[in-house]
């Protein structure tokens, strides 16, 4: 497909919009996570391992609404969907500001659920836009770039959440005589939401791809129907590989990081720095994978990511509790994760048709967050057995070994064949799928 008018401006606007949305989700989530984790302002209200509950508030709406949201991104212009959901985000930010100012955990959790719901509607539209404004051969690079900005935003959001929490509920032992600044986190969320909304108006106007689609108010049936539609195709394996990776990384590994505040005896700001390092490393890894892929999909990058991250989980589970050492290992882990993610995301876009792409991406989003929820539950169960948080990385390592085994037993042949069969232009062969893993 040829690029649309203003495609580069559209890509820039989409990147800024996505950056602000991802940052906002995680600023709010991180303030909640530090508030309910050990030593937090709301810790006694939810009990041990409560950061999993904060993560669940962000994940569950994606499971409930991504399929429904996918219908909208097929039925209507994806650009219009992006603008509307970003306007919604500003209203939610005002609610979060009120909840934080009142120090009301339940109102803040409600705001977190609503902002996750808004993001669920944004997801299928934002990723579905890329094939509509860019040539097929540019998708790998575009995905690498948008993923880089997304993960930088995610972890910068987490990193900003640390000092914001320190300002919101200062620890008397570390910040003597500091007064709580109750309005600050909510104001930051509101400002970031406004910037992201303004950027959404720069996305080029697009036509609806399936205007005859009838929107049905159903939460789970669209997932089942989309799954039946893609059953027997390589997309099933792509979604399975992506979901399993998210189960390990998003569901289990990410929840370990806030506990480094107590493990390393550091402030929330320093603990958030570890999250920033991980997220920036994932972003750099995504960007590198996109540049290496060039004008093609390279499934051979997947085992590099799978084997590398698995090895680093074991290292993180056994190394001494030293800030610099932990930070270095997290940086390596994040960089290698990007090599796993970019080929799978690009295949999800290129293997789905224009008429079904929004629904497939809705299913993709749903499965990602089902995986996160299952990982959150596993983390909560493990933590309540008394295991030290950093030792949970050893569990991640075992799960990673299973992922590597699945790749070589089943996914490798499917991905290589599917990618090769989906070449849009014979000229791409020279740069396309040489790396088979």
Protein backbone atom coordinates (compact mmCIF):
# COMPACT_ATOMS: atom_id res chain seq x y z
CA UNK A 1 0.00 0.00 0.00
CA UNK A 2 1.45 3.43 -0.88
CA UNK A 3 1.99 5.89 1.93
CA UNK A 4 -0.82 8.34 2.67
CA UNK A 5 -0.59 12.12 2.56
CA UNK A 6 1.38 13.49 5.52
CA UNK A 7 2.42 9.97 6.55
CA UNK A 8 5.61 11.19 8.25
CA UNK A 9 3.74 13.91 10.14
CA UNK A 10 1.14 11.31 11.04
CA UNK A 11 3.80 8.94 12.36
CA UNK A 12 5.31 11.72 14.45
CA UNK A 13 1.91 12.71 15.84
CA UNK A 14 1.08 9.09 16.58
CA UNK A 15 4.40 8.63 18.39
CA UNK A 16 3.82 11.70 20.56
CA UNK A 17 0.23 10.66 21.29
CA UNK A 18 1.27 7.13 22.18
CA UNK A 19 4.22 8.36 24.25
CA UNK A 20 1.98 10.59 26.38
CA UNK A 21 -0.68 7.90 26.80
CA UNK A 22 1.78 5.22 27.86
CA UNK A 23 3.53 7.65 30.21
CA UNK A 24 0.25 8.68 31.83
CA UNK A 25 -0.94 5.11 32.42
CA UNK A 26 2.30 4.34 34.20
CA UNK A 27 2.69 7.56 36.16
CA UNK A 28 -0.68 6.90 37.76
CA UNK A 29 -0.04 3.17 38.16
CA UNK A 30 3.36 3.74 39.73
CA UNK A 31 2.05 6.19 42.31
CA UNK A 32 -0.54 3.54 43.22
CA UNK A 33 2.06 0.72 43.26
CA UNK A 34 4.39 2.60 45.62
CA UNK A 35 1.39 3.57 47.73
CA UNK A 36 0.22 -0.02 48.23
CA UNK A 37 3.64 -1.75 48.32
CA UNK A 38 5.48 -2.42 51.58
CA UNK A 39 5.93 0.83 53.49
CA UNK A 40 3.48 2.73 51.28
CA UNK A 41 0.75 5.12 52.38
CA UNK A 42 -1.99 2.57 51.56
CA UNK A 43 -0.01 -0.63 52.30
CA UNK A 44 -2.14 -1.74 55.24
CA UNK A 45 -5.37 -1.48 53.26
CA UNK A 46 -4.50 -4.21 50.71
CA UNK A 47 -1.85 -6.44 52.35
CA UNK A 48 1.34 -8.20 51.18
CA UNK A 49 2.17 -8.15 47.47
CA UNK A 50 -0.53 -5.56 46.84
CA UNK A 51 1.34 -4.05 43.88
CA UNK A 52 -0.17 -6.95 41.92
CA UNK A 53 -3.60 -5.48 42.63
CA UNK A 54 -2.53 -2.12 41.22
CA UNK A 55 -1.24 -3.88 38.11
CA UNK A 56 -4.50 -5.83 37.79
CA UNK A 57 -6.48 -2.58 37.79
CA UNK A 58 -4.52 -1.58 34.71
CA UNK A 59 -4.71 -4.99 33.02
CA UNK A 60 -8.31 -6.18 33.51
CA UNK A 61 -9.96 -3.43 31.38
CA UNK A 62 -7.78 -4.44 28.43
CA UNK A 63 -9.12 -7.98 28.68
CA UNK A 64 -12.73 -6.86 28.99
CA UNK A 65 -12.80 -4.18 26.32
CA UNK A 66 -10.07 -4.76 23.71
CA UNK A 67 -12.32 -6.93 21.53
CA UNK A 68 -15.14 -4.40 21.71
CA UNK A 69 -12.62 -1.63 20.98
CA UNK A 70 -11.26 -3.52 17.98
CA UNK A 71 -14.67 -3.29 16.33
CA UNK A 72 -14.60 0.51 16.58
CA UNK A 73 -11.18 0.75 14.93
CA UNK A 74 -12.50 -1.29 11.98
CA UNK A 75 -15.91 0.38 11.77
CA UNK A 76 -14.71 3.99 12.09
CA UNK A 77 -11.68 6.02 11.10
CA UNK A 78 -8.80 5.01 13.34
CA UNK A 79 -7.75 8.64 13.54
CA UNK A 80 -11.18 9.68 14.86
CA UNK A 81 -11.06 6.90 17.45
CA UNK A 82 -7.64 8.14 18.64
CA UNK A 83 -8.85 11.72 19.04
CA UNK A 84 -12.00 10.74 20.96
CA UNK A 85 -10.23 8.45 23.43
CA UNK A 86 -7.56 11.08 24.11
CA UNK A 87 -10.25 13.63 24.96
CA UNK A 88 -11.66 11.00 27.32
CA UNK A 89 -8.23 10.74 28.96
CA UNK A 90 -8.31 14.42 29.96
CA UNK A 91 -11.60 13.91 31.82
CA UNK A 92 -10.18 10.86 33.62
CA UNK A 93 -7.08 12.85 34.58
CA UNK A 94 -9.30 15.36 36.35
CA UNK A 95 -10.89 12.52 38.34
CA UNK A 96 -7.43 11.17 39.26
CA UNK A 97 -6.37 14.65 40.37
CA UNK A 98 -9.36 14.79 42.71
CA UNK A 99 -8.71 11.29 44.13
CA UNK A 100 -5.04 11.95 44.79
CA UNK A 101 -5.71 15.32 46.37
CA UNK A 102 -8.23 13.67 48.72
CA UNK A 103 -5.82 10.74 49.40
CA UNK A 104 -8.69 8.39 48.51
CA UNK A 105 -7.31 5.01 47.41
CA UNK A 106 -10.59 3.80 45.93
CA UNK A 107 -11.12 6.89 43.81
CA UNK A 108 -7.55 6.66 42.56
CA UNK A 109 -7.97 2.94 41.74
CA UNK A 110 -11.19 3.82 39.91
CA UNK A 111 -9.29 6.41 37.87
CA UNK A 112 -6.63 3.80 37.07
CA UNK A 113 -9.30 1.40 35.82
CA UNK A 114 -10.88 4.12 33.66
CA UNK A 115 -7.57 5.24 32.15
CA UNK A 116 -6.80 1.59 31.33
CA UNK A 117 -10.22 1.29 29.66
CA UNK A 118 -9.44 4.38 27.59
CA UNK A 119 -6.10 2.86 26.59
CA UNK A 120 -7.83 -0.37 25.59
CA UNK A 121 -9.86 1.57 23.02
CA UNK A 122 -6.74 3.39 21.85
CA UNK A 123 -4.67 0.22 21.32
CA UNK A 124 -6.21 -1.38 18.19
CA UNK A 125 -6.53 2.03 16.52
CA UNK A 126 -2.95 3.18 17.13
CA UNK A 127 -1.32 -0.02 15.88
CA UNK A 128 -3.81 -0.40 13.04
CA UNK A 129 -2.94 3.09 11.75
CA UNK A 130 0.64 2.17 10.83
CA UNK A 131 -0.20 -0.04 7.80
CA UNK A 132 -2.59 2.70 6.59
CA UNK A 133 -0.07 5.55 6.55
CA UNK A 134 3.15 3.69 5.71
CA UNK A 135 4.38 1.35 3.01
CA UNK A 136 4.51 -2.34 3.95
CA UNK A 137 8.32 -2.33 3.77
CA UNK A 138 8.53 0.41 6.42
CA UNK A 139 6.51 -1.43 9.08
CA UNK A 140 9.38 -3.13 10.90
CA UNK A 141 11.24 0.14 11.33
CA UNK A 142 8.06 1.98 12.30
CA UNK A 143 7.20 -0.68 14.87
CA UNK A 144 10.71 -0.53 16.24
CA UNK A 145 10.46 3.24 16.57
CA UNK A 146 7.00 3.34 18.13
CA UNK A 147 7.94 0.53 20.49
CA UNK A 148 11.08 2.42 21.48
CA UNK A 149 9.07 5.52 22.34
CA UNK A 150 6.37 3.44 24.02
CA UNK A 151 8.73 1.63 26.36
CA UNK A 152 10.71 4.74 27.08
CA UNK A 153 7.36 6.35 27.96
CA UNK A 154 6.32 3.39 30.11
CA UNK A 155 9.44 3.46 32.18
CA UNK A 156 9.79 7.20 32.26
CA UNK A 157 6.24 7.14 33.56
CA UNK A 158 7.35 4.66 36.21
CA UNK A 159 10.48 6.71 36.88
CA UNK A 160 8.52 9.95 37.25
CA UNK A 161 6.10 8.07 39.48
CA UNK A 162 8.91 7.50 42.00
CA UNK A 163 9.79 11.14 42.75
CA UNK A 164 6.12 12.10 42.44
CA UNK A 165 5.31 9.54 45.15
CA UNK A 166 8.19 10.85 47.29
CA UNK A 167 6.69 14.34 46.99
CA UNK A 168 3.15 13.03 47.54
CA UNK A 169 3.91 10.91 50.62
CA UNK A 170 7.49 11.68 51.76
CA UNK A 171 9.13 9.09 53.99
CA UNK A 172 10.09 10.92 57.23
CA UNK A 173 13.26 8.81 57.56
CA UNK A 174 14.55 9.87 54.13
CA UNK A 175 12.91 13.30 53.75
CA UNK A 176 12.66 14.86 57.22
CA UNK A 177 10.45 17.95 57.49
CA UNK A 178 9.09 17.47 53.93
CA UNK A 179 5.43 18.43 53.49
CA UNK A 180 3.18 16.27 51.25
CA UNK A 181 2.38 17.89 47.89
CA UNK A 182 -1.00 16.23 47.33
CA UNK A 183 -1.90 18.00 44.09
CA UNK A 184 1.34 17.34 42.19
CA UNK A 185 0.87 13.79 40.76
CA UNK A 186 -2.65 14.53 39.54
CA UNK A 187 -1.57 17.77 37.89
CA UNK A 188 1.24 16.00 36.04
CA UNK A 189 -1.21 13.36 34.76
CA UNK A 190 -3.55 16.10 33.56
CA UNK A 191 -0.82 18.04 31.73
CA UNK A 192 0.53 14.93 29.99
CA UNK A 193 -3.02 14.02 28.96
CA UNK A 194 -3.58 17.43 27.40
CA UNK A 195 -0.30 17.25 25.43
CA UNK A 196 -1.19 13.77 24.10
CA UNK A 197 -4.66 14.93 23.09
CA UNK A 198 -3.26 17.92 21.18
CA UNK A 199 -0.83 15.62 19.32
CA UNK A 200 -3.69 13.29 18.25
CA UNK A 201 -5.13 16.04 16.07
CA UNK A 202 -1.96 15.86 13.95
CA UNK A 203 -2.71 12.30 12.82
CA UNK A 204 -3.88 12.45 9.16
CA UNK A 205 -7.55 11.89 8.42
CA UNK A 206 -8.26 8.30 7.39
CA UNK A 207 -11.28 6.49 6.00
CA UNK A 208 -12.99 3.61 7.81
CA UNK A 209 -11.77 0.22 6.58
CA UNK A 210 -14.92 -1.75 7.33
CA UNK A 211 -17.77 0.82 7.57
CA UNK A 212 -20.43 -1.86 7.22
CA UNK A 213 -19.33 -3.68 10.37
CA UNK A 214 -22.10 -3.85 12.93
CA UNK A 215 -20.89 -2.88 16.41
CA UNK A 216 -22.06 -5.41 18.99
CA UNK A 217 -21.97 -4.69 22.71
CA UNK A 218 -20.27 -7.94 23.62
CA UNK A 219 -17.18 -8.32 25.76
CA UNK A 220 -15.87 -11.80 25.00
CA UNK A 221 -17.68 -13.11 21.94
CA UNK A 222 -15.67 -10.90 19.51
CA UNK A 223 -12.48 -12.54 20.77
CA UNK A 224 -13.87 -16.01 20.12
CA UNK A 225 -15.08 -15.05 16.66
CA UNK A 226 -11.74 -13.48 15.74
CA UNK A 227 -9.92 -16.53 17.09
CA UNK A 228 -12.08 -18.81 14.89
CA UNK A 229 -11.39 -16.53 11.93
CA UNK A 230 -7.62 -16.87 12.30
CA UNK A 231 -7.65 -20.51 13.50
CA UNK A 232 -5.21 -22.64 11.55
CA UNK A 233 -3.16 -19.63 10.41
CA UNK A 234 0.29 -18.53 11.58
CA UNK A 235 -1.35 -15.65 13.44
CA UNK A 236 -2.38 -18.09 16.16
CA UNK A 237 1.25 -18.98 16.83
CA UNK A 238 2.33 -15.33 16.69
CA UNK A 239 -0.26 -14.39 19.31
CA UNK A 240 0.69 -17.36 21.48
CA UNK A 241 4.39 -16.45 21.40
CA UNK A 242 3.65 -12.80 22.21
CA UNK A 243 1.27 -13.67 25.06
CA UNK A 244 3.65 -16.10 26.72
CA UNK A 245 6.40 -13.49 26.68
CA UNK A 246 4.06 -10.95 28.27
CA UNK A 247 3.13 -13.49 30.94
CA UNK A 248 6.76 -13.58 32.05
CA UNK A 249 7.80 -9.96 31.56
CA UNK A 250 4.66 -7.92 32.18
CA UNK A 251 2.97 -10.26 34.60
CA UNK A 252 5.79 -11.40 36.87
CA UNK A 253 9.13 -9.67 36.26
CA UNK A 254 7.86 -6.07 36.30
CA UNK A 255 6.23 -6.54 39.71
CA UNK A 256 9.55 -7.45 41.27
CA UNK A 257 11.04 -4.01 40.63
CA UNK A 258 9.08 -1.91 43.19
CA UNK A 259 10.28 -4.26 45.93
CA UNK A 260 13.88 -3.23 45.25
CA UNK A 261 12.98 -0.14 47.31
CA UNK A 262 13.07 -2.33 50.42
CA UNK A 263 15.56 -4.92 49.16
CA UNK A 264 18.20 -2.27 48.40
CA UNK A 265 17.05 0.17 51.10
CA UNK A 266 16.63 3.03 48.63
CA UNK A 267 14.02 5.72 48.02
CA UNK A 268 11.06 5.36 45.66
CA UNK A 269 12.90 7.67 43.25
CA UNK A 270 15.92 5.32 43.13
CA UNK A 271 13.71 2.24 42.77
CA UNK A 272 11.90 3.99 39.91
CA UNK A 273 15.28 4.60 38.27
CA UNK A 274 15.68 0.83 37.92
CA UNK A 275 12.36 0.74 36.08
CA UNK A 276 13.53 3.61 33.88
CA UNK A 277 16.70 1.73 33.00
CA UNK A 278 14.74 -1.39 32.07
CA UNK A 279 12.22 0.53 29.97
CA UNK A 280 14.78 2.62 28.12
CA UNK A 281 16.75 -0.55 27.40
CA UNK A 282 13.63 -2.23 25.98
CA UNK A 283 13.04 0.85 23.84
CA UNK A 284 16.62 0.84 22.55
CA UNK A 285 16.35 -2.91 21.88
CA UNK A 286 13.11 -2.36 19.95
CA UNK A 287 14.71 0.41 17.91
CA UNK A 288 17.79 -1.72 17.20
CA UNK A 289 15.61 -4.67 16.15
CA UNK A 290 13.65 -2.39 13.83
CA UNK A 291 16.83 -1.04 12.22
CA UNK A 292 18.31 -4.52 11.84
CA UNK A 293 15.06 -5.72 10.27
CA UNK A 294 15.25 -2.96 7.67
CA UNK A 295 12.43 -3.32 5.14
CA UNK A 296 11.41 -6.78 6.30
CA UNK A 297 10.40 -9.06 9.13
CA UNK A 298 13.23 -11.08 10.67
CA UNK A 299 11.87 -13.90 12.83
CA UNK A 300 15.44 -15.03 13.48
CA UNK A 301 15.73 -12.20 16.01
CA UNK A 302 13.16 -13.93 18.24
CA UNK A 303 15.46 -16.65 19.70
CA UNK A 304 18.12 -14.03 20.43
CA UNK A 305 15.59 -12.24 22.61
CA UNK A 306 14.17 -15.40 24.18
CA UNK A 307 17.51 -17.00 25.07
CA UNK A 308 19.10 -13.74 26.17
CA UNK A 309 16.31 -12.65 28.50
CA UNK A 310 16.03 -16.15 29.97
CA UNK A 311 19.73 -16.17 30.83
CA UNK A 312 19.46 -12.74 32.44
CA UNK A 313 16.48 -13.78 34.61
CA UNK A 314 18.66 -16.45 36.19
CA UNK A 315 21.47 -13.92 36.69
CA UNK A 316 19.10 -11.43 38.34
CA UNK A 317 17.85 -14.15 40.66
CA UNK A 318 21.30 -15.01 42.05
CA UNK A 319 23.42 -11.82 41.96
CA UNK A 320 24.13 -9.86 45.17
CA UNK A 321 21.75 -7.04 46.04
CA UNK A 322 23.86 -4.22 44.66
CA UNK A 323 22.19 -1.26 42.90
CA UNK A 324 24.73 -0.88 40.08
CA UNK A 325 24.84 -4.62 39.41
CA UNK A 326 21.06 -4.95 39.33
CA UNK A 327 20.76 -1.90 37.06
CA UNK A 328 23.30 -3.32 34.59
CA UNK A 329 21.55 -6.68 34.40
CA UNK A 330 18.15 -5.04 33.91
CA UNK A 331 19.57 -2.94 31.05
CA UNK A 332 20.86 -6.06 29.27
CA UNK A 333 17.56 -7.87 29.85
CA UNK A 334 15.53 -5.01 28.43
CA UNK A 335 17.71 -4.60 25.34
CA UNK A 336 17.42 -8.30 24.47
CA UNK A 337 13.64 -8.25 25.00
CA UNK A 338 13.28 -5.84 22.07
CA UNK A 339 14.63 -8.48 19.69
CA UNK A 340 11.78 -10.80 20.67
CA UNK A 341 9.01 -8.23 20.41
CA UNK A 342 9.47 -6.34 17.13
CA UNK A 343 9.23 -9.31 14.70
CA UNK A 344 6.09 -10.62 16.42
CA UNK A 345 4.36 -7.25 16.44
CA UNK A 346 5.13 -6.68 12.77
CA UNK A 347 3.87 -10.15 11.82
CA UNK A 348 0.63 -9.47 13.69
CA UNK A 349 0.07 -6.42 11.48
CA UNK A 350 1.19 -7.90 8.17
CA UNK A 351 -0.51 -11.29 8.47
CA UNK A 352 -3.93 -9.77 9.25
CA UNK A 353 -6.09 -8.26 6.50
CA UNK A 354 -7.24 -4.65 6.43
CA UNK A 355 -10.82 -5.69 7.22
CA UNK A 356 -9.88 -7.71 10.30
CA UNK A 357 -6.77 -5.91 11.53
CA UNK A 358 -8.51 -3.90 14.27
CA UNK A 359 -10.18 -7.01 15.69
CA UNK A 360 -6.96 -9.04 15.50
CA UNK A 361 -5.10 -6.28 17.33
CA UNK A 362 -7.93 -6.17 19.87
CA UNK A 363 -7.47 -9.92 20.44
CA UNK A 364 -3.70 -9.39 20.60
CA UNK A 365 -4.17 -6.73 23.27
CA UNK A 366 -6.61 -8.92 25.21
CA UNK A 367 -4.26 -11.90 25.22
CA UNK A 368 -1.37 -9.67 26.30
CA UNK A 369 -3.27 -8.52 29.34
CA UNK A 370 -4.74 -11.93 30.14
CA UNK A 371 -1.10 -12.99 30.31
CA UNK A 372 -0.25 -10.06 32.56
CA UNK A 373 -3.17 -10.92 34.85
CA UNK A 374 -2.09 -14.57 35.10
CA UNK A 375 1.45 -13.42 35.82
CA UNK A 376 0.18 -10.99 38.48
CA UNK A 377 -1.72 -13.82 40.15
CA UNK A 378 1.36 -16.06 40.02
CA UNK A 379 3.47 -13.28 41.56
CA UNK A 380 0.90 -12.75 44.32
CA UNK A 381 0.86 -16.49 45.12
CA UNK A 382 4.67 -16.72 45.11
CA UNK A 383 5.06 -13.66 47.32
CA UNK A 384 2.62 -15.01 49.89
CA UNK A 385 4.76 -18.15 50.24
CA UNK A 386 7.46 -15.89 51.68
CA UNK A 387 9.92 -16.01 48.77
CA UNK A 388 12.20 -12.98 48.52
CA UNK A 389 11.17 -10.81 45.58
CA UNK A 390 14.45 -10.94 43.66
CA UNK A 391 14.39 -14.76 43.81
CA UNK A 392 11.18 -14.66 41.77
CA UNK A 393 13.45 -13.93 38.79
CA UNK A 394 14.50 -17.60 39.01
CA UNK A 395 10.88 -18.55 38.36
CA UNK A 396 10.95 -16.20 35.35
CA UNK A 397 14.05 -18.03 34.14
CA UNK A 398 12.31 -21.41 34.28
CA UNK A 399 9.35 -19.97 32.38
CA UNK A 400 11.80 -18.52 29.85
CA UNK A 401 13.31 -21.96 29.23
CA UNK A 402 9.84 -23.20 28.31
CA UNK A 403 9.51 -20.29 25.87
CA UNK A 404 12.80 -21.19 24.19
CA UNK A 405 11.69 -24.82 23.95
CA UNK A 406 8.39 -23.83 22.33
CA UNK A 407 10.20 -21.67 19.79
CA UNK A 408 12.47 -24.45 18.57
CA UNK A 409 9.81 -27.17 18.81
CA UNK A 410 7.03 -25.34 16.97
CA UNK A 411 7.21 -21.61 16.36
CA UNK A 412 10.47 -21.36 14.42
CA UNK A 413 9.28 -23.19 11.31
CA UNK A 414 5.87 -21.50 11.33
CA UNK A 415 7.26 -17.97 11.67
CA UNK A 416 9.90 -18.39 8.98
CA UNK A 417 7.44 -19.88 6.49
CA UNK A 418 4.76 -17.29 7.25
CA UNK A 419 7.13 -14.36 6.94
CA UNK A 420 8.55 -15.59 3.65
CA UNK A 421 5.09 -16.28 2.21
CA UNK A 422 3.95 -12.76 3.13
CA UNK A 423 6.58 -10.89 1.10
CA UNK A 424 4.78 -7.92 -0.50
CA UNK A 425 7.38 -7.44 -3.23
CA UNK A 426 9.94 -9.88 -4.68
CA UNK A 427 12.61 -7.21 -4.33
CA UNK A 428 12.32 -7.47 -0.56
CA UNK A 429 13.68 -11.01 -0.60
CA UNK A 430 17.25 -9.81 -0.62
CA UNK A 431 16.88 -8.02 2.70
CA UNK A 432 13.96 -9.88 4.12
CA UNK A 433 14.11 -13.19 5.89
CA UNK A 434 17.69 -14.32 5.81
CA UNK A 435 17.88 -14.57 9.58
CA UNK A 436 16.04 -17.78 10.43
CA UNK A 437 17.35 -18.38 13.95
